[in-house]
Amino acid sequence: MELDLDAALVTSIARLAAVDVPAGDMPALLDVLRNQVEMAATLRALPYDDVPPITSMDPRWV
């Protein structure tokens, strides 16, 4: 799945979340969000067939 992140989409999402994004912050925010989407795509591409689901919380995770 390809996600085309642009300023209009980020502005719409921010408006839904009632978050003000100053215009000067938009280029940096777009870079961060694109990086996160790229990282998520990398994780989705990994083979998880033999990985059991997490069904309990390890206290060391908090």
Protein backbone atom coordinates (compact mmCIF):
# COMPACT_ATOMS: atom_id res chain seq x y z
CA MET A 1 0.00 0.00 0.00
CA GLU A 2 1.45 3.30 -1.08
CA LEU A 3 0.48 6.33 1.00
CA ASP A 4 0.94 9.67 -0.73
CA LEU A 5 1.64 12.07 2.12
CA ASP A 6 1.37 15.70 1.22
CA ALA A 7 0.66 18.90 3.11
CA ALA A 8 -3.06 18.79 2.26
CA LEU A 9 -3.49 15.29 3.72
CA VAL A 10 -1.50 16.14 6.86
CA THR A 11 -3.50 19.33 7.32
CA SER A 12 -6.77 17.39 7.01
CA ILE A 13 -5.65 14.80 9.55
CA ALA A 14 -4.44 17.52 11.92
CA ARG A 15 -7.77 19.32 11.61
CA LEU A 16 -9.63 16.10 12.50
CA ALA A 17 -7.40 15.72 15.56
CA ALA A 18 -7.84 19.41 16.48
CA VAL A 19 -4.09 19.98 16.17
CA ASP A 20 -2.67 23.18 14.72
CA VAL A 21 0.33 22.64 12.45
CA PRO A 22 2.16 25.89 11.71
CA ALA A 23 3.12 26.23 8.04
CA GLY A 24 6.79 26.48 8.99
CA ASP A 25 6.64 23.07 10.68
CA MET A 26 5.03 21.28 7.74
CA PRO A 27 8.22 20.32 5.81
CA ALA A 28 9.81 18.72 8.88
CA LEU A 29 6.54 17.00 9.84
CA LEU A 30 6.18 15.58 6.33
CA ASP A 31 9.74 14.22 6.49
CA VAL A 32 9.04 12.52 9.82
CA LEU A 33 5.72 11.06 8.70
CA ARG A 34 7.18 9.78 5.41
CA ASN A 35 9.97 8.13 7.37
CA GLN A 36 7.43 6.45 9.67
CA VAL A 37 5.38 5.18 6.71
CA GLU A 38 8.56 3.82 5.08
CA MET A 39 9.54 2.07 8.31
CA ALA A 40 6.08 0.54 8.63
CA ALA A 41 6.26 -0.73 5.04
CA THR A 42 9.60 -2.36 5.84
CA LEU A 43 8.05 -4.11 8.85
CA ARG A 44 5.01 -5.25 6.84
CA ALA A 45 7.36 -6.89 4.32
CA LEU A 46 8.93 -9.18 6.96
CA PRO A 47 7.81 -12.81 7.18
CA TYR A 48 5.74 -13.28 10.34
CA ASP A 49 4.38 -16.75 9.58
CA ASP A 50 6.34 -18.43 12.39
CA VAL A 51 5.98 -15.64 14.94
CA PRO A 52 3.39 -16.28 17.64
CA PRO A 53 1.15 -13.37 18.68
CA ILE A 54 1.83 -11.57 21.92
CA THR A 55 -0.81 -12.68 24.38
CA SER A 56 0.65 -11.39 27.62
CA MET A 57 2.39 -8.29 28.89
CA ASP A 58 5.97 -8.61 30.05
CA PRO A 59 6.54 -6.17 32.97
CA ARG A 60 9.96 -5.28 31.53
CA TRP A 61 8.21 -3.55 28.59
CA VAL A 62 6.94 -0.67 30.69
